C-alpha atoms as a PDB file:
ATOM      1  CA  MET A   1     132.198 227.899-131.789  1.00  0.00           C
ATOM      2  CA  TYR A   2     130.277 225.112-133.554  1.00  0.00           C
ATOM      3  CA  ALA A   3     129.532 223.384-130.259  1.00  0.00           C
ATOM      4  CA  SER A   4     128.372 226.652-128.712  1.00  0.00           C
ATOM      5  CA  ILE A   5     126.015 227.390-131.607  1.00  0.00           C
ATOM      6  CA  ALA A   6     124.686 223.821-131.474  1.00  0.00           C
ATOM      7  CA  ALA A   7     124.153 224.206-127.713  1.00  0.00           C
ATOM      8  CA  GLY A   8     122.294 227.473-128.283  1.00  0.00           C
ATOM      9  CA  ILE A   9     120.019 225.778-130.794  1.00  0.00           C
ATOM     10  CA  GLY A  10     119.497 222.891-128.389  1.00  0.00           C
ATOM     11  CA  ALA A  11     118.534 225.315-125.635  1.00  0.00           C
ATOM     12  CA  LEU A  12     115.665 226.519-127.820  1.00  0.00           C
ATOM     13  CA  SER A  13     113.911 223.162-127.664  1.00  0.00           C
ATOM     14  CA  GLY A  14     110.693 222.715-125.787  1.00  0.00           C
ATOM     15  CA  GLU A  15     107.467 224.633-125.637  1.00  0.00           C
ATOM     16  CA  LEU A  16     108.551 227.176-123.018  1.00  0.00           C
ATOM     17  CA  HIS A  17     111.570 228.498-124.878  1.00  0.00           C
ATOM     18  CA  GLY A  18     111.956 228.707-128.610  1.00  0.00           C
ATOM     19  CA  GLY A  19     108.815 226.661-129.213  1.00  0.00           C
ATOM     20  CA  ALA A  20     106.472 228.991-127.344  1.00  0.00           C
ATOM     21  CA  ASN A  21     105.454 230.808-130.524  1.00  0.00           C
ATOM     22  CA  GLU A  22     104.545 227.446-132.057  1.00  0.00           C
ATOM     23  CA  GLN A  23     102.238 226.892-129.089  1.00  0.00           C
ATOM     24  CA  VAL A  24     100.749 230.378-129.540  1.00  0.00           C
ATOM     25  CA  MET A  25      99.945 229.590-133.171  1.00  0.00           C
ATOM     26  CA  ALA A  26      98.474 226.211-132.199  1.00  0.00           C
ATOM     27  CA  THR A  27      96.214 228.081-129.770  1.00  0.00           C
ATOM     28  CA  LEU A  28      95.138 230.587-132.414  1.00  0.00           C
ATOM     29  CA  LYS A  29      94.372 227.767-134.852  1.00  0.00           C
ATOM     30  CA  LYS A  30      92.414 225.915-132.160  1.00  0.00           C
ATOM     31  CA  ILE A  31      90.290 228.987-131.365  1.00  0.00           C
ATOM     32  CA  ASP A  32      90.011 229.836-135.096  1.00  0.00           C
ATOM     33  CA  ASP A  33      87.279 232.460-134.627  1.00  0.00           C
ATOM     34  CA  PRO A  34      87.612 235.906-133.002  1.00  0.00           C
ATOM     35  CA  ALA A  35      84.109 235.467-131.545  1.00  0.00           C
ATOM     36  CA  LYS A  36      85.387 232.505-129.480  1.00  0.00           C
ATOM     37  CA  VAL A  37      88.387 234.273-127.900  1.00  0.00           C
ATOM     38  CA  LYS A  38      86.731 235.535-124.717  1.00  0.00           C
ATOM     39  CA  ALA A  39      85.238 232.125-123.922  1.00  0.00           C
ATOM     40  CA  TRP A  40      88.625 230.470-124.514  1.00  0.00           C
ATOM     41  CA  VAL A  41      90.452 232.969-122.268  1.00  0.00           C
ATOM     42  CA  ASP A  42      87.837 232.603-119.506  1.00  0.00           C
ATOM     43  CA  GLU A  43      88.041 228.800-119.722  1.00  0.00           C
ATOM     44  CA  THR A  44      91.854 228.877-119.712  1.00  0.00           C
ATOM     45  CA  PHE A  45      92.020 231.025-116.578  1.00  0.00           C
ATOM     46  CA  ALA A  46      89.274 228.990-114.863  1.00  0.00           C
ATOM     47  CA  ALA A  47      91.307 225.818-115.503  1.00  0.00           C
ATOM     48  CA  LYS A  48      94.481 227.598-114.269  1.00  0.00           C
ATOM     49  CA  ARG A  49      96.322 226.856-117.519  1.00  0.00           C
ATOM     50  CA  LYS A  50      99.042 229.046-118.987  1.00  0.00           C
ATOM     51  CA  ILE A  51      98.526 231.312-121.940  1.00  0.00           C
ATOM     52  CA  MET A  52     101.592 230.765-124.051  1.00  0.00           C
ATOM     53  CA  GLY A  53     103.432 233.936-125.051  1.00  0.00           C
ATOM     54  CA  MET A  54     102.421 235.797-121.902  1.00  0.00           C
ATOM     55  CA  GLY A  55     105.053 236.708-119.313  1.00  0.00           C
ATOM     56  CA  HIS A  56     108.832 236.800-119.373  1.00  0.00           C
ATOM     57  CA  ALA A  57     111.599 235.799-116.978  1.00  0.00           C
ATOM     58  CA  VAL A  58     113.394 239.143-117.342  1.00  0.00           C
ATOM     59  CA  TYR A  59     110.938 241.770-118.558  1.00  0.00           C
ATOM     60  CA  LYS A  60     108.489 242.880-115.867  1.00  0.00           C
ATOM     61  CA  THR A  61     106.911 245.364-118.242  1.00  0.00           C
ATOM     62  CA  GLN A  62     105.907 244.649-121.814  1.00  0.00           C
ATOM     63  CA  ASP A  63     108.651 242.904-123.760  1.00  0.00           C
ATOM     64  CA  PRO A  64     110.085 245.603-126.060  1.00  0.00           C
ATOM     65  CA  ARG A  65     110.279 243.082-128.884  1.00  0.00           C
ATOM     66  CA  ALA A  66     106.528 242.463-128.585  1.00  0.00           C
ATOM     67  CA  LYS A  67     105.949 246.205-128.961  1.00  0.00           C
ATOM     68  CA  ILE A  68     107.728 246.029-132.327  1.00  0.00           C
ATOM     69  CA  LEU A  69     106.084 242.813-133.504  1.00  0.00           C
ATOM     70  CA  LYS A  70     102.512 243.810-132.637  1.00  0.00           C
ATOM     71  CA  PRO A  71     102.241 246.558-135.310  1.00  0.00           C
ATOM     72  CA  MET A  72     104.056 244.269-137.765  1.00  0.00           C
ATOM     73  CA  SER A  73     101.428 241.594-137.152  1.00  0.00           C
ATOM     74  CA  GLU A  74      98.669 244.162-137.597  1.00  0.00           C
ATOM     75  CA  HIS A  75     100.216 245.389-140.864  1.00  0.00           C
ATOM     76  CA  LEU A  76     100.556 241.845-142.184  1.00  0.00           C
ATOM     77  CA  ALA A  77      96.942 241.136-141.208  1.00  0.00           C
ATOM     78  CA  GLU A  78      95.790 244.043-143.354  1.00  0.00           C
ATOM     79  CA  LYS A  79      98.147 243.161-146.202  1.00  0.00           C
ATOM     80  CA  SER A  80      97.495 239.410-146.241  1.00  0.00           C
ATOM     81  CA  GLY A  81      93.745 239.482-145.691  1.00  0.00           C
ATOM     82  CA  GLU A  82      94.173 237.058-142.799  1.00  0.00           C
ATOM     83  CA  GLY A  83      93.193 239.564-140.134  1.00  0.00           C
ATOM     84  CA  LYS A  84      91.721 237.034-137.739  1.00  0.00           C
ATOM     85  CA  TRP A  85      95.182 235.989-136.498  1.00  0.00           C
ATOM     86  CA  PHE A  86      96.021 239.520-135.363  1.00  0.00           C
ATOM     87  CA  THR A  87      92.479 240.201-134.124  1.00  0.00           C
ATOM     88  CA  MET A  88      92.523 237.084-131.933  1.00  0.00           C
ATOM     89  CA  SER A  89      96.040 237.821-130.679  1.00  0.00           C
ATOM     90  CA  ALA A  90      95.198 241.406-129.717  1.00  0.00           C
ATOM     91  CA  GLU A  91      92.031 240.314-127.909  1.00  0.00           C
ATOM     92  CA  ILE A  92      93.771 237.493-126.033  1.00  0.00           C
ATOM     93  CA  GLU A  93      96.488 239.938-124.975  1.00  0.00           C
ATOM     94  CA  ALA A  94      93.990 242.576-123.795  1.00  0.00           C
ATOM     95  CA  LEU A  95      91.885 240.072-121.831  1.00  0.00           C
ATOM     96  CA  ALA A  96      94.899 238.323-120.297  1.00  0.00           C
ATOM     97  CA  VAL A  97      96.660 241.548-119.269  1.00  0.00           C
ATOM     98  CA  ALA A  98      93.419 242.828-117.702  1.00  0.00           C
ATOM     99  CA  HIS A  99      92.998 239.535-115.824  1.00  0.00           C
ATOM    100  CA  PHE A 100      96.578 239.625-114.543  1.00  0.00           C
ATOM    101  CA  GLN A 101      96.233 243.269-113.482  1.00  0.00           C
ATOM    102  CA  GLU A 102      93.101 242.407-111.483  1.00  0.00           C
ATOM    103  CA  GLN A 103      95.293 239.914-109.599  1.00  0.00           C
ATOM    104  CA  GLY A 104      97.993 242.536-109.068  1.00  0.00           C
ATOM    105  CA  LYS A 105     100.363 240.825-111.498  1.00  0.00           C
ATOM    106  CA  LYS A 106     102.437 242.579-114.132  1.00  0.00           C
ATOM    107  CA  ILE A 107     102.357 240.025-116.919  1.00  0.00           C
ATOM    108  CA  TYR A 108     102.414 241.093-120.556  1.00  0.00           C
ATOM    109  CA  ALA A 109     102.882 239.608-124.017  1.00  0.00           C
ATOM    110  CA  ASN A 110     106.415 238.522-124.841  1.00  0.00           C
ATOM    111  CA  VAL A 111     108.254 238.182-128.153  1.00  0.00           C
ATOM    112  CA  ASP A 112     106.745 234.751-128.822  1.00  0.00           C
ATOM    113  CA  PHE A 113     103.182 236.021-128.637  1.00  0.00           C
ATOM    114  CA  TYR A 114     103.170 238.265-131.711  1.00  0.00           C
ATOM    115  CA  SER A 115     105.961 236.473-133.564  1.00  0.00           C
ATOM    116  CA  ALA A 116     103.528 233.571-134.011  1.00  0.00           C
ATOM    117  CA  SER A 117     100.960 235.493-136.049  1.00  0.00           C
ATOM    118  CA  THR A 118     103.677 237.541-137.764  1.00  0.00           C
ATOM    119  CA  TYR A 119     105.604 234.493-138.989  1.00  0.00           C
ATOM    120  CA  TYR A 120     102.411 232.665-139.946  1.00  0.00           C
ATOM    121  CA  MET A 121     101.069 235.537-142.025  1.00  0.00           C
ATOM    122  CA  MET A 122     104.479 235.753-143.716  1.00  0.00           C
ATOM    123  CA  GLY A 123     103.810 232.217-144.953  1.00  0.00           C
ATOM    124  CA  PHE A 124     105.912 230.192-142.510  1.00  0.00           C
ATOM    125  CA  GLU A 125     104.483 227.048-140.982  1.00  0.00           C
ATOM    126  CA  PRO A 126     104.900 226.745-137.181  1.00  0.00           C
ATOM    127  CA  ASP A 127     107.580 224.035-137.528  1.00  0.00           C
ATOM    128  CA  PHE A 128     109.872 226.740-138.952  1.00  0.00           C
ATOM    129  CA  PHE A 129     109.331 229.293-136.138  1.00  0.00           C
ATOM    130  CA  THR A 130     112.163 228.032-133.901  1.00  0.00           C
ATOM    131  CA  PRO A 131     114.722 227.737-136.731  1.00  0.00           C
ATOM    132  CA  ILE A 132     113.882 231.319-137.785  1.00  0.00           C
ATOM    133  CA  PHE A 133     114.367 232.424-134.187  1.00  0.00           C
ATOM    134  CA  ALA A 134     117.728 230.597-134.037  1.00  0.00           C
ATOM    135  CA  VAL A 135     119.005 232.052-137.316  1.00  0.00           C
ATOM    136  CA  ALA A 136     118.201 235.548-136.068  1.00  0.00           C
ATOM    137  CA  ARG A 137     120.241 234.913-132.926  1.00  0.00           C
ATOM    138  CA  MET A 138     123.303 233.217-134.428  1.00  0.00           C
ATOM    139  CA  SER A 139     125.267 236.380-135.192  1.00  0.00           C
ATOM    140  CA  GLY A 140     124.774 237.530-131.599  1.00  0.00           C
ATOM    141  CA  TRP A 141     125.843 234.162-130.226  1.00  0.00           C
ATOM    142  CA  ALA A 142     128.932 234.219-132.429  1.00  0.00           C
ATOM    143  CA  ALA A 143     129.746 237.771-131.296  1.00  0.00           C
ATOM    144  CA  HIS A 144     129.533 236.711-127.644  1.00  0.00           C
ATOM    145  CA  ILE A 145     131.784 233.714-128.252  1.00  0.00           C
ATOM    146  CA  ILE A 146     134.382 235.891-129.984  1.00  0.00           C
ATOM    147  CA  GLU A 147     134.054 238.559-127.276  1.00  0.00           C
ATOM    148  CA  GLU A 148     134.581 235.972-124.530  1.00  0.00           C
ATOM    149  CA  LYS A 149     137.494 234.276-126.293  1.00  0.00           C
ATOM    150  CA  PHE A 150     139.430 237.501-126.719  1.00  0.00           C
ATOM    151  CA  ALA A 151     138.399 239.247-123.484  1.00  0.00           C
ATOM    152  CA  ASP A 152     141.165 239.942-120.967  1.00  0.00           C
ATOM    153  CA  ALA A 153     138.864 239.242-118.039  1.00  0.00           C
ATOM    154  CA  GLN A 154     138.157 235.775-116.695  1.00  0.00           C
ATOM    155  CA  PRO A 155     135.118 234.055-118.212  1.00  0.00           C
ATOM    156  CA  LYS A 156     131.941 235.045-116.453  1.00  0.00           C
ATOM    157  CA  PRO A 157     129.471 232.297-115.544  1.00  0.00           C
ATOM    158  CA  GLU A 158     126.379 234.533-115.588  1.00  0.00           C
ATOM    159  CA  LEU A 159     123.971 234.964-118.448  1.00  0.00           C
ATOM    160  CA  TYR A 160     125.120 237.644-120.849  1.00  0.00           C
ATOM    161  CA  ARG A 161     122.877 240.678-121.027  1.00  0.00           C
ATOM    162  CA  PRO A 162     125.013 243.176-122.927  1.00  0.00           C
ATOM    163  CA  GLU A 163     124.299 246.830-122.412  1.00  0.00           C
ATOM    164  CA  ALA A 164     123.390 248.185-125.802  1.00  0.00           C
ATOM    165  CA  ASP A 165     120.961 250.780-127.023  1.00  0.00           C
ATOM    166  CA  TYR A 166     119.488 250.335-130.470  1.00  0.00           C
ATOM    167  CA  VAL A 167     119.598 253.682-132.226  1.00  0.00           C
ATOM    168  CA  GLY A 168     118.356 252.605-135.620  1.00  0.00           C
ATOM    169  CA  ARG A 169     114.995 253.196-137.182  1.00  0.00           C
ATOM    170  CA  VAL A 170     111.994 251.243-135.847  1.00  0.00           C
ATOM    171  CA  CYS A 171     109.547 250.055-138.460  1.00  0.00           C
ATOM    172  CA  ASP A 172     106.006 251.267-137.865  1.00  0.00           C
ATOM    173  CA  GLY A 173     104.564 248.862-140.404  1.00  0.00           C
ATOM    174  CA  THR A 174     105.232 251.102-143.400  1.00  0.00           C
ATOM    175  CA  CYS A 175     108.880 250.195-143.931  1.00  0.00           C
ATOM    176  CA  SER A 176     109.985 248.534-147.111  1.00  0.00           C
ATOM    177  CA  TYR A 177     112.876 246.181-147.673  1.00  0.00           C
ATOM    178  CA  VAL A 178     116.087 247.841-148.798  1.00  0.00           C
ATOM    179  CA  PRO A 179     118.568 245.497-150.500  1.00  0.00           C
ATOM    180  CA  ILE A 180     121.848 245.159-148.603  1.00  0.00           C
ATOM    181  CA  THR A 181     123.804 246.560-151.548  1.00  0.00           C
ATOM    182  CA  GLU A 182     121.911 249.816-151.103  1.00  0.00           C
ATOM    183  CA  ARG A 183     122.454 249.870-147.309  1.00  0.00           C
ATOM    184  CA  ILE A 184     126.225 249.494-147.300  1.00  0.00           C
ATOM    185  CA  GLU A 185     128.195 252.700-147.434  1.00  0.00           C
ATOM    186  CA  LYS A 186     130.659 252.644-150.287  1.00  0.00           C
END
């Protein structure tokens, strides 16, 4: 299990996976002013460069995780007084999606796009974004390892995409933290 978890963490290295949200935040810091977003997006597309946090290998519609993180980022922008990070993100997303649609492409923001501003406004520096991402995934990785070890079927070489439907509550930005001792049924 330790080797598998270490391998999972190792797979998160690089700017295209795991580090993409760091690149998104670097972009936002570089732009630094909502008034400069349109010029930056136009220049980026003219130079045929990627906009980090846009597009996904699996999701051909908007990444459902981005749909959850976007209102969280907006809420944190209001709460923290650092609204420019959300404002710039939302404008980049709108301009990029419109550009892609004009080209007949279905490319939308992914989880990395809004996790950048969300983590940053929570007080985390970009160097911590990938470790936070890894910590959030570790229980799932461990569950898959245990599932595979005790499964009757032969190991499957394909990427795991378990069929599961989340039926819990989705935070609309007004949720508050409930201590675990209050969440556990006694």
